[in-house]
Amino acid sequence: MSDAKVIELAAHKAEGPKRKLVRPSGCKHLKVEIDEDAGVVLCLTCSKVIDPFVVLLGYAKEENFVFQDMIYWDEQTTELKVEAEKLRKEIRNLKAQKRRLIKTKAHIAL
C-alpha cells in the first residue's frame, strides 16, 4: 500500500508464541469498576488495575455462552413440545381404544 497513514499489520506482527494472561493472584476479576475519569478498570476483589480489553473480552465470551445456552434450551423446548404432542395423541388413541372395548364388551354381554 502506498498510503503513509496505513500501517501494515504483517510488518508489525509480534514475534514468538502467543502468551496467555496469567493471574498469579488467582483472582478472576469478576467484579470490576470502571473509573471513567481516570480511564481505568479496577477489580473490586483484588484492587488491581485491569486491562480494559481483557474485561471486554470476558463480557463478549460470557455473552456468547449465554447465547449458545439460549439456542440449546430453545431446541430442547421444541423437542419436548413435539414429544408432548405425540404423547397427547397416544393418550387420545388409548382412550378411543378403551371406549371401543367397553362398547364391544357391552354388546357381547347382551
N, C-alpha and C. Protein backbone atom coordinates (compact mmCIF):
# COMPACT_ATOMS: atom_id res chain seq x y z
N MET A 1 0.83 -1.17 0.00
CA MET A 1 0.00 0.00 0.00
C MET A 1 0.88 1.24 0.00
N SER A 2 0.47 2.25 -0.69
CA SER A 2 1.29 3.45 -0.82
C SER A 2 0.91 4.55 0.16
N ASP A 3 -0.23 4.43 0.81
CA ASP A 3 -0.68 5.47 1.73
C ASP A 3 0.18 5.44 3.00
N ALA A 4 0.74 6.56 3.38
CA ALA A 4 1.65 6.64 4.54
C ALA A 4 0.90 6.48 5.86
N LYS A 5 -0.41 6.72 5.88
CA LYS A 5 -1.17 6.62 7.12
C LYS A 5 -1.59 5.20 7.44
N VAL A 6 -1.48 4.29 6.47
CA VAL A 6 -1.91 2.91 6.67
C VAL A 6 -0.73 2.10 7.18
N ILE A 7 -0.94 1.39 8.26
CA ILE A 7 0.11 0.57 8.85
C ILE A 7 -0.09 -0.87 8.40
N GLU A 8 0.95 -1.48 7.91
CA GLU A 8 0.91 -2.88 7.51
C GLU A 8 1.01 -3.74 8.77
N LEU A 9 -0.04 -4.49 9.05
CA LEU A 9 -0.04 -5.33 10.25
C LEU A 9 0.97 -6.46 10.16
N ALA A 10 1.17 -7.01 9.00
CA ALA A 10 2.11 -8.11 8.85
C ALA A 10 3.53 -7.66 9.20
N ALA A 11 3.87 -6.42 8.90
CA ALA A 11 5.20 -5.91 9.19
C ALA A 11 5.41 -5.67 10.68
N HIS A 12 4.33 -5.45 11.42
CA HIS A 12 4.43 -5.16 12.84
C HIS A 12 3.96 -6.33 13.71
N LYS A 13 3.89 -7.50 13.15
CA LYS A 13 3.41 -8.66 13.88
C LYS A 13 4.42 -9.03 14.96
N ALA A 14 3.91 -9.32 16.14
CA ALA A 14 4.79 -9.69 17.27
C ALA A 14 5.42 -11.05 17.01
N GLU A 15 6.67 -11.17 17.36
CA GLU A 15 7.39 -12.43 17.19
C GLU A 15 7.17 -13.31 18.41
N GLY A 16 7.31 -14.61 18.21
CA GLY A 16 7.22 -15.55 19.32
C GLY A 16 5.84 -16.13 19.48
N PRO A 17 5.71 -17.08 20.40
CA PRO A 17 4.42 -17.76 20.61
C PRO A 17 3.42 -16.84 21.29
N LYS A 18 2.16 -17.19 21.15
CA LYS A 18 1.09 -16.44 21.78
C LYS A 18 1.15 -16.69 23.29
N ARG A 19 0.98 -15.65 24.07
CA ARG A 19 1.01 -15.80 25.52
C ARG A 19 -0.38 -15.64 26.09
N LYS A 20 -0.67 -16.43 27.10
CA LYS A 20 -1.96 -16.33 27.78
C LYS A 20 -1.81 -15.40 28.98
N LEU A 21 -2.90 -14.75 29.34
CA LEU A 21 -2.90 -13.89 30.51
C LEU A 21 -2.88 -14.77 31.75
N VAL A 22 -1.88 -14.61 32.57
CA VAL A 22 -1.75 -15.41 33.78
C VAL A 22 -2.09 -14.53 34.97
N ARG A 23 -2.93 -15.05 35.83
CA ARG A 23 -3.30 -14.31 37.04
C ARG A 23 -2.68 -15.00 38.24
N PRO A 24 -1.49 -14.60 38.66
CA PRO A 24 -0.83 -15.27 39.78
C PRO A 24 -1.61 -15.14 41.08
N SER A 25 -2.41 -14.07 41.21
CA SER A 25 -3.16 -13.88 42.45
C SER A 25 -4.32 -14.85 42.56
N GLY A 26 -4.72 -15.44 41.44
CA GLY A 26 -5.85 -16.36 41.44
C GLY A 26 -7.18 -15.64 41.31
N CYS A 27 -7.18 -14.33 41.30
CA CYS A 27 -8.41 -13.56 41.17
C CYS A 27 -8.86 -13.60 39.72
N LYS A 28 -10.14 -13.85 39.51
CA LYS A 28 -10.69 -13.90 38.16
C LYS A 28 -11.27 -12.56 37.72
N HIS A 29 -11.18 -11.57 38.59
CA HIS A 29 -11.64 -10.20 38.28
C HIS A 29 -13.10 -10.20 37.80
N LEU A 30 -13.97 -10.84 38.57
CA LEU A 30 -15.37 -10.93 38.19
C LEU A 30 -16.15 -9.66 38.53
N LYS A 31 -15.72 -8.96 39.56
CA LYS A 31 -16.40 -7.71 39.95
C LYS A 31 -15.46 -6.57 39.63
N VAL A 32 -15.86 -5.73 38.69
CA VAL A 32 -15.00 -4.63 38.27
C VAL A 32 -15.74 -3.31 38.36
N GLU A 33 -14.95 -2.25 38.45
CA GLU A 33 -15.49 -0.90 38.47
C GLU A 33 -14.74 -0.10 37.40
N ILE A 34 -15.49 0.66 36.64
CA ILE A 34 -14.88 1.47 35.59
C ILE A 34 -14.76 2.91 36.10
N ASP A 35 -13.54 3.39 36.14
CA ASP A 35 -13.28 4.79 36.50
C ASP A 35 -13.15 5.57 35.21
N GLU A 36 -14.23 6.23 34.81
CA GLU A 36 -14.25 6.94 33.53
C GLU A 36 -13.30 8.14 33.54
N ASP A 37 -13.17 8.79 34.67
CA ASP A 37 -12.30 9.97 34.74
C ASP A 37 -10.84 9.58 34.52
N ALA A 38 -10.41 8.49 35.17
CA ALA A 38 -9.02 8.05 35.04
C ALA A 38 -8.82 7.16 33.81
N GLY A 39 -9.92 6.63 33.28
CA GLY A 39 -9.83 5.75 32.10
C GLY A 39 -9.26 4.38 32.42
N VAL A 40 -9.58 3.86 33.62
CA VAL A 40 -9.07 2.54 34.01
C VAL A 40 -10.20 1.67 34.52
N VAL A 41 -9.91 0.38 34.55
CA VAL A 41 -10.85 -0.61 35.10
C VAL A 41 -10.19 -1.20 36.33
N LEU A 42 -10.89 -1.18 37.45
CA LEU A 42 -10.36 -1.68 38.71
C LEU A 42 -11.12 -2.93 39.14
N CYS A 43 -10.40 -3.93 39.64
CA CYS A 43 -11.02 -5.13 40.20
C CYS A 43 -11.46 -4.79 41.62
N LEU A 44 -12.71 -5.04 41.95
CA LEU A 44 -13.22 -4.74 43.28
C LEU A 44 -12.79 -5.81 44.30
N THR A 45 -12.35 -6.97 43.82
CA THR A 45 -11.92 -8.04 44.71
C THR A 45 -10.48 -7.87 45.15
N CYS A 46 -9.57 -7.68 44.17
CA CYS A 46 -8.14 -7.61 44.49
C CYS A 46 -7.56 -6.21 44.34
N SER A 47 -8.37 -5.24 43.94
CA SER A 47 -7.97 -3.83 43.81
C SER A 47 -6.87 -3.58 42.79
N LYS A 48 -6.74 -4.43 41.80
CA LYS A 48 -5.73 -4.23 40.76
C LYS A 48 -6.35 -3.54 39.55
N VAL A 49 -5.51 -2.82 38.81
CA VAL A 49 -5.94 -2.22 37.56
C VAL A 49 -5.90 -3.31 36.50
N ILE A 50 -6.98 -3.40 35.72
CA ILE A 50 -7.12 -4.47 34.74
C ILE A 50 -7.13 -3.86 33.34
N ASP A 51 -6.60 -4.59 32.40
CA ASP A 51 -6.63 -4.18 31.00
C ASP A 51 -8.09 -4.17 30.54
N PRO A 52 -8.60 -3.04 30.05
CA PRO A 52 -10.00 -2.97 29.61
C PRO A 52 -10.34 -3.99 28.53
N PHE A 53 -9.37 -4.32 27.68
CA PHE A 53 -9.63 -5.30 26.62
C PHE A 53 -9.93 -6.66 27.23
N VAL A 54 -9.25 -7.03 28.32
CA VAL A 54 -9.49 -8.31 28.98
C VAL A 54 -10.91 -8.35 29.53
N VAL A 55 -11.36 -7.23 30.09
CA VAL A 55 -12.73 -7.16 30.62
C VAL A 55 -13.73 -7.27 29.49
N LEU A 56 -13.50 -6.53 28.41
CA LEU A 56 -14.40 -6.57 27.25
C LEU A 56 -14.45 -7.97 26.65
N LEU A 57 -13.30 -8.60 26.54
CA LEU A 57 -13.24 -9.96 26.02
C LEU A 57 -14.02 -10.93 26.90
N GLY A 58 -13.90 -10.77 28.21
CA GLY A 58 -14.66 -11.62 29.14
C GLY A 58 -16.15 -11.45 28.98
N TYR A 59 -16.59 -10.19 28.82
CA TYR A 59 -18.01 -9.93 28.61
C TYR A 59 -18.49 -10.55 27.30
N ALA A 60 -17.67 -10.43 26.27
CA ALA A 60 -18.04 -10.98 24.95
C ALA A 60 -18.16 -12.50 25.03
N LYS A 61 -17.22 -13.14 25.71
CA LYS A 61 -17.27 -14.61 25.85
C LYS A 61 -18.49 -15.03 26.65
N GLU A 62 -18.78 -14.32 27.73
CA GLU A 62 -19.94 -14.63 28.56
C GLU A 62 -21.23 -14.48 27.75
N GLU A 63 -21.31 -13.42 26.96
CA GLU A 63 -22.50 -13.21 26.13
C GLU A 63 -22.65 -14.35 25.12
N ASN A 64 -21.53 -14.80 24.57
CA ASN A 64 -21.57 -15.90 23.62
C ASN A 64 -22.06 -17.18 24.30
N PHE A 65 -21.59 -17.43 25.53
CA PHE A 65 -22.04 -18.62 26.26
C PHE A 65 -23.54 -18.54 26.52
N VAL A 66 -24.02 -17.37 26.92
CA VAL A 66 -25.45 -17.20 27.18
C VAL A 66 -26.25 -17.41 25.90
N PHE A 67 -25.77 -16.88 24.79
CA PHE A 67 -26.45 -17.03 23.51
C PHE A 67 -26.51 -18.51 23.11
N GLN A 68 -25.39 -19.22 23.28
CA GLN A 68 -25.36 -20.66 22.96
C GLN A 68 -26.33 -21.43 23.86
N ASP A 69 -26.40 -21.06 25.14
CA ASP A 69 -27.35 -21.69 26.06
C ASP A 69 -28.79 -21.44 25.61
N MET A 70 -29.07 -20.21 25.16
CA MET A 70 -30.42 -19.90 24.69
C MET A 70 -30.79 -20.77 23.50
N ILE A 71 -29.86 -20.94 22.57
CA ILE A 71 -30.11 -21.78 21.40
C ILE A 71 -30.36 -23.22 21.84
N TYR A 72 -29.54 -23.73 22.76
CA TYR A 72 -29.69 -25.11 23.24
C TYR A 72 -31.05 -25.30 23.89
N TRP A 73 -31.43 -24.39 24.80
CA TRP A 73 -32.70 -24.56 25.51
C TRP A 73 -33.89 -24.35 24.59
N ASP A 74 -33.75 -23.53 23.56
CA ASP A 74 -34.82 -23.37 22.59
C ASP A 74 -35.03 -24.67 21.82
N GLU A 75 -33.92 -25.32 21.43
CA GLU A 75 -34.02 -26.61 20.74
C GLU A 75 -34.63 -27.67 21.65
N GLN A 76 -34.22 -27.67 22.92
CA GLN A 76 -34.78 -28.64 23.87
C GLN A 76 -36.28 -28.42 24.04
N THR A 77 -36.70 -27.16 24.13
CA THR A 77 -38.12 -26.84 24.27
C THR A 77 -38.91 -27.33 23.07
N THR A 78 -38.38 -27.11 21.87
CA THR A 78 -39.05 -27.56 20.66
C THR A 78 -39.19 -29.08 20.65
N GLU A 79 -38.11 -29.77 20.99
CA GLU A 79 -38.16 -31.24 21.03
C GLU A 79 -39.18 -31.73 22.06
N LEU A 80 -39.22 -31.11 23.22
CA LEU A 80 -40.17 -31.53 24.26
C LEU A 80 -41.61 -31.24 23.86
N LYS A 81 -41.85 -30.14 23.14
CA LYS A 81 -43.20 -29.86 22.66
C LYS A 81 -43.66 -30.92 21.67
N VAL A 82 -42.76 -31.34 20.77
CA VAL A 82 -43.09 -32.38 19.80
C VAL A 82 -43.39 -33.69 20.53
N GLU A 83 -42.56 -34.03 21.50
CA GLU A 83 -42.76 -35.26 22.27
C GLU A 83 -44.07 -35.21 23.06
N ALA A 84 -44.38 -34.05 23.64
CA ALA A 84 -45.64 -33.91 24.39
C ALA A 84 -46.84 -34.09 23.47
N GLU A 85 -46.76 -33.55 22.27
CA GLU A 85 -47.88 -33.72 21.32
C GLU A 85 -48.05 -35.18 20.94
N LYS A 86 -46.93 -35.89 20.75
CA LYS A 86 -47.01 -37.33 20.45
C LYS A 86 -47.68 -38.08 21.59
N LEU A 87 -47.35 -37.72 22.82
CA LEU A 87 -47.95 -38.39 23.99
C LEU A 87 -49.44 -38.06 24.11
N ARG A 88 -49.82 -36.81 23.82
CA ARG A 88 -51.25 -36.46 23.84
C ARG A 88 -52.03 -37.27 22.81
N LYS A 89 -51.43 -37.43 21.63
CA LYS A 89 -52.08 -38.21 20.58
C LYS A 89 -52.22 -39.68 21.01
N GLU A 90 -51.19 -40.20 21.64
CA GLU A 90 -51.25 -41.59 22.11
C GLU A 90 -52.32 -41.76 23.19
N ILE A 91 -52.45 -40.77 24.07
CA ILE A 91 -53.49 -40.82 25.10
C ILE A 91 -54.87 -40.81 24.46
N ARG A 92 -55.09 -39.95 23.45
CA ARG A 92 -56.38 -39.92 22.75
C ARG A 92 -56.68 -41.27 22.11
N ASN A 93 -55.67 -41.87 21.48
CA ASN A 93 -55.87 -43.17 20.84
C ASN A 93 -56.20 -44.25 21.86
N LEU A 94 -55.52 -44.22 23.00
CA LEU A 94 -55.79 -45.22 24.04
C LEU A 94 -57.19 -45.05 24.62
N LYS A 95 -57.61 -43.80 24.80
CA LYS A 95 -58.97 -43.57 25.31
C LYS A 95 -60.00 -44.06 24.30
N ALA A 96 -59.75 -43.86 23.00
CA ALA A 96 -60.67 -44.34 21.97
C ALA A 96 -60.71 -45.86 21.97
N GLN A 97 -59.54 -46.49 22.12
CA GLN A 97 -59.50 -47.95 22.20
C GLN A 97 -60.30 -48.46 23.39
N LYS A 98 -60.16 -47.79 24.52
CA LYS A 98 -60.88 -48.18 25.73
C LYS A 98 -62.40 -48.08 25.50
N ARG A 99 -62.84 -46.98 24.87
CA ARG A 99 -64.27 -46.83 24.59
C ARG A 99 -64.78 -47.94 23.68
N ARG A 100 -63.97 -48.25 22.63
CA ARG A 100 -64.38 -49.32 21.72
C ARG A 100 -64.46 -50.67 22.44
N LEU A 101 -63.50 -50.94 23.31
CA LEU A 101 -63.51 -52.21 24.04
C LEU A 101 -64.71 -52.29 24.98
N ILE A 102 -65.03 -51.17 25.64
CA ILE A 102 -66.19 -51.17 26.54
C ILE A 102 -67.47 -51.40 25.75
N LYS A 103 -67.58 -50.77 24.55
CA LYS A 103 -68.76 -50.97 23.70
C LYS A 103 -68.85 -52.43 23.25
N THR A 104 -67.72 -52.98 22.83
CA THR A 104 -67.69 -54.37 22.37
C THR A 104 -68.07 -55.31 23.51
N LYS A 105 -67.56 -55.04 24.69
CA LYS A 105 -67.86 -55.87 25.85
C LYS A 105 -69.35 -55.79 26.20
N ALA A 106 -69.95 -54.59 26.05
CA ALA A 106 -71.37 -54.41 26.34
C ALA A 106 -72.22 -55.17 25.32
N HIS A 107 -71.81 -55.18 24.05
CA HIS A 107 -72.54 -55.90 23.02
C HIS A 107 -72.44 -57.41 23.23
N ILE A 108 -71.29 -57.86 23.65
CA ILE A 108 -71.09 -59.31 23.87
C ILE A 108 -71.90 -59.78 25.07
N ALA A 109 -72.02 -58.95 26.09
CA ALA A 109 -72.75 -59.32 27.31
C ALA A 109 -74.24 -59.44 27.04
N LEU A 110 -74.77 -58.77 26.05
CA LEU A 110 -76.20 -58.85 25.74
C LEU A 110 -76.48 -60.13 25.10
